[in-house]
Amino acid sequence: MNYILFDDSTREALKPLTYTRPVCEVRLGIMTIREKWEKALGVKTSTLTDDYLSEKYPMAMSEAMLLINSSVCPRAEMTEAIKKMTPGQTLICGEVVIAMYKTKEGFLSDEEESSERLEYKGELVKLNSLADIFLLNDKELRYDYNVLTAGRTGAKLSSTNRIIGNDIFVEEGAVVEYATINTTKGPVYIGKDCEVMENSVIRGPFAMCEHAVVKLSAKIYGGTTLGPYCKVGGELENVVMFGYSNKAHDGFFGNSVIGEWCNIGADSNASNLKNTYEDVRLWSIDKQTFLSTGTIFCGTIMADYSKCGINTMFNTGTVVGVNCNIFGHGYQRNYIPSFSWGGNTGTRIYDIEKAIEVAEIVQKRRNIEMSETDKNILRHIYKETTYNKRIS
């Protein structure tokens, strides 16, 4: 069977994080949503997303195709229901379309095929907003931990560490010395070739993916995920970092989401609670207004390739677009559009070719050559987000 992960309207709600990726590439828990589905189905998937992303994330066409909503996380009962679907059937949960069985003829003609609607009544975990990424991360981290570690025995930790509880899994090649790790509130997953440096204190649920690094004396609270090759220090609480991003020095980030190839300057901090204890509102690029998150705890959402200088202060509920360079004293604005250069006293538009040049340098430091496809994606986002905009 050809399984295709398709973007629904959630992709608009998850911008700016989904400017550079389809929804299935969002990391939630330990794995990305695509990795979850491929693990659950036992097959590789392709993607139905916006045209400008389709070269990097192509769709595989076949005579029979099972399309799965990429904002939905798999559950065993759901996966079994999907595997049993036949042509013309649609799996729904309330108003949410979970999966559709399409033929090539019907897909290409865009005609409505005879559709039998099947009702799924099990657990539904679905992303609907930016805040959902950190709000659901604790739950999904626990779920992924069980999926990834079932029937397996992890590597042994050095006797220099203090481990409280038993729910810890360590992949081969990880180095952990003189750390305190508390798993009584949730499991801890340490990925392949990771490093936890001395005097770090970690409380689960927590996950670090391959080659991630926790630096000296870091303090990490539950609900936190470090994607591949991330480096972190200071204090983190309920933070999701997608991959290849750094917050290597002191400073606090909580209830936040950091994309790929981001860098947080030393002693930068992100407020995650208003003095008035009101629900935090986040800027919606889709609705062009501030929307309530339904929670009093919400920090910073930072999209790919963005960075900030030392001592940067992010206000409660801040959204930072793609490829921003932020610096300056005082609290930054609650919404910083993509390709902004500057701070709260004013910004200018970041030249796209200079932005790409810097991104190339950053990736070369990790021995990765930036592809022409990725450059063209950035050029497309630049045109979409900066067209006719004036310097603020």
Protein backbone atom coordinates (compact mmCIF):
# COMPACT_ATOMS: atom_id res chain seq x y z
CA MET A 1 0.00 0.00 0.00
CA ASN A 2 1.13 3.53 -0.83
CA TYR A 3 0.69 5.70 2.26
CA ILE A 4 0.69 9.49 1.77
CA LEU A 5 0.68 12.05 4.59
CA PHE A 6 -1.40 15.06 3.53
CA ASP A 7 -1.53 18.57 4.96
CA ASP A 8 -4.93 19.93 5.94
CA SER A 9 -5.72 23.49 7.06
CA THR A 10 -3.59 22.90 10.16
CA ARG A 11 -0.53 23.79 8.09
CA GLU A 12 -1.70 27.43 7.98
CA ALA A 13 -2.27 27.44 11.75
CA LEU A 14 1.26 26.14 12.37
CA LYS A 15 3.07 28.86 10.43
CA PRO A 16 5.83 30.07 10.71
CA LEU A 17 7.10 26.58 11.64
CA THR A 18 5.43 25.06 8.56
CA TYR A 19 6.76 27.61 6.10
CA THR A 20 9.78 25.31 5.73
CA ARG A 21 8.17 21.88 6.24
CA PRO A 22 4.96 19.90 5.88
CA VAL A 23 3.09 19.25 9.13
CA CYS A 24 4.34 15.65 9.32
CA GLU A 25 7.91 16.92 9.82
CA VAL A 26 6.97 18.61 13.12
CA ARG A 27 8.68 16.90 16.06
CA LEU A 28 6.21 15.98 18.80
CA GLY A 29 7.35 13.75 21.63
CA ILE A 30 10.55 11.98 20.57
CA MET A 31 9.78 11.46 16.89
CA THR A 32 8.41 13.58 14.09
CA ILE A 33 4.83 12.80 13.08
CA ARG A 34 6.16 11.15 9.90
CA GLU A 35 8.51 8.95 11.93
CA LYS A 36 5.58 7.96 14.17
CA TRP A 37 3.48 6.84 11.19
CA GLU A 38 6.34 5.02 9.50
CA LYS A 39 7.06 3.18 12.75
CA ALA A 40 3.37 2.34 13.21
CA LEU A 41 2.81 1.21 9.60
CA GLY A 42 6.19 -0.39 9.00
CA VAL A 43 6.59 1.41 5.64
CA LYS A 44 8.00 4.59 4.18
CA THR A 45 5.56 7.40 3.44
CA SER A 46 5.42 10.26 0.93
CA THR A 47 3.85 13.71 1.26
CA LEU A 48 1.07 15.82 -0.19
CA THR A 49 1.87 19.43 0.68
CA ASP A 50 2.26 22.90 -0.83
CA ASP A 51 3.78 23.00 -4.32
CA TYR A 52 6.95 24.86 -3.33
CA LEU A 53 7.81 22.15 -0.78
CA SER A 54 7.02 19.24 -3.07
CA GLU A 55 10.51 18.90 -4.58
CA LYS A 56 11.96 18.24 -1.14
CA TYR A 57 8.90 16.34 0.08
CA PRO A 58 7.49 14.59 -3.02
CA MET A 59 4.34 12.53 -3.31
CA ALA A 60 4.48 8.99 -4.71
CA MET A 61 1.59 8.31 -7.10
CA SER A 62 0.13 4.80 -7.52
CA GLU A 63 -3.09 3.06 -8.55
CA ALA A 64 -4.24 2.87 -4.92
CA MET A 65 -3.31 5.45 -2.29
CA LEU A 66 -4.14 5.77 1.38
CA LEU A 67 -3.97 9.42 2.42
CA ILE A 68 -3.43 10.09 6.14
CA ASN A 69 -3.89 13.45 7.87
CA SER A 70 -0.38 14.60 8.80
CA SER A 71 -1.55 16.57 11.85
CA VAL A 72 -2.84 13.36 13.51
CA CYS A 73 -0.62 11.11 15.62
CA PRO A 74 -1.04 7.34 15.25
CA ARG A 75 -2.54 5.04 17.83
CA ALA A 76 -2.65 1.24 17.55
CA GLU A 77 -6.44 1.11 17.10
CA MET A 78 -6.31 3.86 14.48
CA THR A 79 -3.48 2.19 12.56
CA GLU A 80 -5.37 -1.10 12.41
CA ALA A 81 -8.50 0.66 11.16
CA ILE A 82 -6.49 2.38 8.41
CA LYS A 83 -4.86 -0.86 7.28
CA LYS A 84 -8.32 -2.42 6.83
CA MET A 85 -9.71 0.41 4.66
CA THR A 86 -10.88 -0.29 1.10
CA PRO A 87 -11.22 2.03 -1.94
CA GLY A 88 -13.71 4.84 -1.45
CA GLN A 89 -13.69 4.71 2.35
CA THR A 90 -12.95 7.68 4.61
CA LEU A 91 -11.99 7.35 8.27
CA ILE A 92 -13.28 10.21 10.44
CA CYS A 93 -13.38 11.24 14.08
CA GLY A 94 -16.10 13.83 14.56
CA GLU A 95 -15.34 16.55 12.02
CA VAL A 96 -11.73 15.43 11.53
CA VAL A 97 -10.81 13.43 8.42
CA ILE A 98 -8.13 10.97 9.53
CA ALA A 99 -7.59 8.98 6.35
CA MET A 100 -8.96 8.51 2.82
CA TYR A 101 -8.52 5.56 0.44
CA LYS A 102 -8.16 7.07 -3.06
CA THR A 103 -7.67 5.57 -6.50
CA LYS A 104 -5.30 7.23 -8.95
CA GLU A 105 -8.14 7.96 -11.36
CA GLY A 106 -10.27 9.62 -8.73
CA PHE A 107 -7.33 11.56 -7.30
CA LEU A 108 -6.21 13.00 -10.66
CA SER A 109 -9.74 13.91 -11.79
CA ASP A 110 -10.47 15.45 -8.38
CA GLU A 111 -13.92 13.91 -8.60
CA GLU A 112 -15.78 12.82 -5.50
CA GLU A 113 -15.52 9.05 -5.37
CA SER A 114 -18.27 7.04 -3.71
CA SER A 115 -17.31 7.38 -0.08
CA GLU A 116 -18.21 5.24 2.89
CA ARG A 117 -17.54 7.12 6.10
CA LEU A 118 -16.09 5.05 8.92
CA GLU A 119 -16.24 6.46 12.45
CA TYR A 120 -13.10 6.13 14.59
CA LYS A 121 -14.00 6.27 18.28
CA GLY A 122 -10.59 5.82 19.87
CA GLU A 123 -8.10 8.37 21.18
CA LEU A 124 -7.40 11.28 18.83
CA VAL A 125 -4.19 13.28 19.25
CA LYS A 126 -4.10 16.09 16.69
CA LEU A 127 -2.14 19.31 16.29
CA ASN A 128 -4.38 22.33 15.82
CA SER A 129 -2.21 25.25 16.94
CA LEU A 130 1.38 26.27 17.63
CA ALA A 131 0.87 25.94 21.38
CA ASP A 132 -0.29 22.33 20.93
CA ILE A 133 3.29 21.34 20.13
CA PHE A 134 4.51 22.00 23.66
CA LEU A 135 1.13 21.30 25.30
CA LEU A 136 1.01 17.77 23.84
CA ASN A 137 4.73 17.05 24.08
CA ASP A 138 4.64 15.46 27.56
CA LYS A 139 1.91 13.02 26.47
CA GLU A 140 3.56 12.13 23.15
CA LEU A 141 7.00 11.79 24.71
CA ARG A 142 5.67 9.10 27.04
CA TYR A 143 3.91 7.35 24.15
CA ASP A 144 6.98 7.43 21.88
CA TYR A 145 9.19 6.18 24.70
CA ASN A 146 7.07 3.04 25.03
CA VAL A 147 7.05 2.52 21.25
CA LEU A 148 10.81 2.95 20.82
CA THR A 149 11.92 0.93 23.84
CA ALA A 150 9.45 -1.99 23.82
CA GLY A 151 11.32 -5.30 24.07
CA ARG A 152 14.72 -3.62 24.02
CA THR A 153 17.53 -3.31 26.55
CA GLY A 154 19.44 -0.03 26.61
CA ALA A 155 23.12 0.63 27.20
CA LYS A 156 24.43 0.83 30.75
CA LEU A 157 25.17 4.17 32.36
CA SER A 158 28.36 5.04 34.19
CA SER A 159 28.29 4.60 37.97
CA THR A 160 29.16 8.30 38.35
CA ASN A 161 25.52 9.20 37.69
CA ARG A 162 22.68 9.45 40.21
CA ILE A 163 19.52 7.88 38.73
CA ILE A 164 16.21 8.23 40.57
CA GLY A 165 13.59 5.76 39.35
CA ASN A 166 13.82 3.13 36.63
CA ASP A 167 12.28 4.59 33.44
CA ILE A 168 15.44 5.47 31.55
CA PHE A 169 16.63 4.16 28.19
CA VAL A 170 20.09 4.90 26.81
CA GLU A 171 21.06 4.16 23.21
CA GLU A 172 24.53 2.93 22.23
CA GLY A 173 27.28 5.52 22.04
CA ALA A 174 25.74 7.94 24.57
CA VAL A 175 28.09 9.47 27.16
CA VAL A 176 26.62 10.56 30.50
CA GLU A 177 28.81 11.43 33.49
CA TYR A 178 28.09 12.87 36.95
CA ALA A 179 24.50 13.77 36.08
CA THR A 180 21.37 13.57 38.24
CA ILE A 181 18.41 12.11 36.35
CA ASN A 182 14.97 11.79 37.97
CA THR A 183 12.53 9.49 36.15
CA THR A 184 9.84 9.30 38.84
CA LYS A 185 7.69 11.90 37.04
CA GLY A 186 8.25 10.52 33.54
CA PRO A 187 10.67 8.50 31.39
CA VAL A 188 14.03 9.71 30.09
CA TYR A 189 15.29 8.74 26.63
CA ILE A 190 18.93 9.41 25.69
CA GLY A 191 19.60 8.83 22.01
CA LYS A 192 22.51 7.41 20.07
CA ASP A 193 25.86 9.25 20.49
CA CYS A 194 24.34 11.88 22.80
CA GLU A 195 26.29 13.54 25.59
CA VAL A 196 25.17 14.78 29.00
CA MET A 197 27.95 16.74 30.66
CA GLU A 198 28.83 16.86 34.34
CA ASN A 199 26.51 18.28 37.03
CA SER A 200 23.48 18.44 34.73
CA VAL A 201 20.11 17.88 36.41
CA ILE A 202 17.32 16.32 34.33
CA ARG A 203 13.74 15.49 35.26
CA GLY A 204 11.51 13.40 33.01
CA PRO A 205 9.70 13.09 30.81
CA PHE A 206 12.66 14.11 28.69
CA ALA A 207 14.19 13.01 25.39
CA MET A 208 17.31 13.85 23.47
CA CYS A 209 17.71 12.52 19.95
CA GLU A 210 20.94 11.38 18.30
CA HIS A 211 24.08 13.50 18.78
CA ALA A 212 22.29 16.02 21.04
CA VAL A 213 24.35 17.57 23.85
CA VAL A 214 23.35 18.79 27.32
CA LYS A 215 26.11 21.12 28.49
CA LEU A 216 27.68 21.59 31.93
CA SER A 217 25.29 22.10 34.87
CA ALA A 218 22.17 22.42 32.73
CA LYS A 219 18.76 22.27 34.48
CA ILE A 220 16.06 20.56 32.42
CA TYR A 221 12.47 20.03 33.52
CA GLY A 222 9.88 17.63 32.11
CA GLY A 223 8.08 17.80 28.80
CA THR A 224 11.30 18.73 27.00
CA THR A 225 12.60 17.25 23.73
CA LEU A 226 15.95 17.95 22.09
CA GLY A 227 15.98 17.02 18.42
CA PRO A 228 19.06 15.61 16.64
CA TYR A 229 22.31 17.56 17.05
CA CYS A 230 20.84 20.19 19.42
CA LYS A 231 23.09 21.69 22.08
CA VAL A 232 21.55 23.13 25.24
CA GLY A 233 22.61 24.73 28.49
CA GLY A 234 20.98 26.86 31.18
CA GLU A 235 17.37 26.13 32.15
CA LEU A 236 14.64 24.54 30.02
CA GLU A 237 11.08 23.56 30.89
CA ASN A 238 8.61 22.00 28.44
CA VAL A 239 10.61 23.03 25.36
CA VAL A 240 10.59 21.28 21.97
CA MET A 241 13.65 21.79 19.76
CA PHE A 242 13.25 20.26 16.29
CA GLY A 243 16.94 19.70 15.48
CA TYR A 244 20.36 21.27 14.75
CA SER A 245 19.60 24.24 17.03
CA ASN A 246 21.63 25.65 19.91
CA LYS A 247 20.80 27.21 23.25
CA ALA A 248 24.20 26.48 24.62
CA HIS A 249 24.47 28.98 27.49
CA ASP A 250 22.69 30.20 30.61
CA GLY A 251 19.21 31.66 30.36
CA PHE A 252 15.65 30.33 30.70
CA PHE A 253 13.23 29.09 28.03
CA GLY A 254 9.92 27.51 28.97
CA ASN A 255 6.80 26.29 27.13
CA SER A 256 8.48 27.07 23.83
CA VAL A 257 9.17 25.58 20.39
CA ILE A 258 12.44 26.10 18.53
CA GLY A 259 12.76 25.02 14.89
CA GLU A 260 15.90 23.87 13.06
CA TRP A 261 19.18 25.77 12.59
CA CYS A 262 18.35 28.34 15.29
CA ASN A 263 20.82 29.86 17.75
CA ILE A 264 19.96 31.46 21.09
CA GLY A 265 22.58 33.92 22.35
CA ALA A 266 24.13 33.64 25.81
CA ASP A 267 21.96 34.71 28.75
CA SER A 268 18.86 35.13 26.59
CA ASN A 269 15.52 34.54 28.33
CA ALA A 270 11.93 33.87 27.27
CA SER A 271 9.09 34.87 29.59
CA ASN A 272 6.40 32.19 29.76
CA LEU A 273 3.98 33.73 32.29
CA LYS A 274 2.26 37.12 32.41
CA ASN A 275 2.35 39.17 35.60
CA THR A 276 -1.46 39.23 35.38
CA TYR A 277 -1.69 35.42 35.07
CA GLU A 278 -3.99 35.81 32.07
CA ASP A 279 -4.19 33.33 29.18
CA VAL A 280 -1.38 34.01 26.72
CA ARG A 281 -2.25 35.03 23.17
CA LEU A 282 -0.06 34.15 20.18
CA TRP A 283 0.03 35.90 16.81
CA SER A 284 -1.70 33.83 14.13
CA ILE A 285 -0.18 34.31 10.67
CA ASP A 286 -3.23 32.55 9.24
CA LYS A 287 -5.84 34.77 10.96
CA GLN A 288 -3.65 37.89 11.16
CA THR A 289 -4.57 38.50 14.78
CA PHE A 290 -3.63 37.37 18.29
CA LEU A 291 -5.44 34.20 19.41
CA SER A 292 -5.73 32.77 22.91
CA THR A 293 -3.65 29.66 23.59
CA GLY A 294 -5.94 28.59 26.43
CA THR A 295 -2.98 28.40 28.81
CA ILE A 296 -1.26 30.85 31.14
CA PHE A 297 2.14 29.33 30.27
CA CYS A 298 3.50 30.11 26.81
CA GLY A 299 6.97 31.25 25.85
CA THR A 300 8.53 31.68 22.40
CA ILE A 301 7.86 30.02 19.04
CA MET A 302 10.92 30.40 16.80
CA ALA A 303 10.96 29.22 13.16
CA ASP A 304 13.94 27.78 11.25
CA TYR A 305 17.23 29.64 10.70
CA SER A 306 16.43 32.40 13.22
CA LYS A 307 18.86 33.57 15.86
CA CYS A 308 19.20 36.14 18.62
CA GLY A 309 22.10 38.03 20.19
CA ILE A 310 23.29 37.79 23.78
CA ASN A 311 20.94 38.97 26.55
CA THR A 312 17.89 38.97 24.29
CA MET A 313 14.57 39.23 26.19
CA PHE A 314 11.51 37.58 24.64
CA ASN A 315 8.11 38.61 25.90
CA THR A 316 5.42 36.14 26.96
CA GLY A 317 3.88 34.57 23.86
CA THR A 318 6.33 35.65 21.14
CA VAL A 319 6.31 34.33 17.58
CA VAL A 320 9.53 34.64 15.56
CA GLY A 321 9.40 33.97 11.81
CA VAL A 322 11.86 32.27 9.48
CA ASN A 323 15.45 33.50 9.22
CA CYS A 324 15.32 36.44 11.64
CA ASN A 325 18.36 38.07 13.25
CA ILE A 326 17.22 39.60 16.56
CA PHE A 327 19.23 41.75 18.94
CA GLY A 328 19.00 44.82 21.18
CA HIS A 329 18.00 45.70 24.74
CA GLY A 330 14.52 45.44 26.26
CA TYR A 331 11.67 43.09 25.49
CA GLN A 332 11.27 42.16 21.85
CA ARG A 333 7.97 42.52 20.04
CA ASN A 334 5.43 39.69 20.37
CA TYR A 335 5.53 39.03 16.64
CA ILE A 336 8.69 39.26 14.57
CA PRO A 337 7.99 38.66 10.85
CA SER A 338 10.18 36.37 8.77
CA PHE A 339 13.45 37.84 7.45
CA SER A 340 13.58 40.62 10.07
CA TRP A 341 16.93 42.11 11.06
CA GLY A 342 17.00 44.20 14.24
CA GLY A 343 15.05 44.50 17.46
CA ASN A 344 12.32 46.31 19.34
CA THR A 345 13.59 49.73 18.25
CA GLY A 346 13.15 48.85 14.60
CA THR A 347 13.87 46.22 11.99
CA ARG A 348 14.80 46.06 8.35
CA ILE A 349 14.32 43.27 5.85
CA TYR A 350 17.14 40.72 5.86
CA ASP A 351 18.57 40.41 2.34
CA ILE A 352 17.66 36.94 1.08
CA GLU A 353 21.00 36.10 -0.55
CA LYS A 354 22.89 37.18 2.57
CA ALA A 355 20.51 35.08 4.67
CA ILE A 356 21.18 32.04 2.47
CA GLU A 357 24.94 32.65 2.64
CA VAL A 358 24.80 32.61 6.46
CA ALA A 359 22.60 29.49 6.46
CA GLU A 360 25.16 27.73 4.24
CA ILE A 361 27.95 28.58 6.69
CA VAL A 362 25.89 27.32 9.64
CA GLN A 363 25.17 24.01 7.93
CA LYS A 364 28.78 23.52 6.85
CA ARG A 365 29.74 23.68 10.53
CA ARG A 366 27.71 20.47 10.90
CA ASN A 367 29.26 18.99 7.72
CA ILE A 368 26.07 19.49 5.72
CA GLU A 369 25.93 21.08 2.28
CA MET A 370 22.85 23.24 1.87
CA SER A 371 20.90 22.01 -1.14
CA GLU A 372 19.65 24.21 -3.96
CA THR A 373 16.17 22.93 -3.08
CA ASP A 374 16.44 24.34 0.44
CA LYS A 375 17.73 27.64 -0.94
CA ASN A 376 14.76 27.88 -3.29
CA ILE A 377 12.36 27.16 -0.43
CA LEU A 378 13.83 30.11 1.46
CA ARG A 379 13.57 32.30 -1.63
CA HIS A 380 9.90 31.37 -1.98
CA ILE A 381 9.18 32.16 1.69
CA TYR A 382 11.04 35.46 1.33
CA LYS A 383 8.83 36.52 -1.58
CA GLU A 384 5.67 35.37 0.20
CA THR A 385 6.44 37.08 3.51
CA THR A 386 8.26 40.28 2.52
CA TYR A 387 6.38 41.30 -0.64
CA ASN A 388 5.58 45.03 -0.51
CA LYS A 389 6.54 45.23 3.16
CA ARG A 390 8.25 48.33 4.46
CA ILE A 391 10.96 48.63 7.08
CA SER A 392 9.28 48.85 10.51
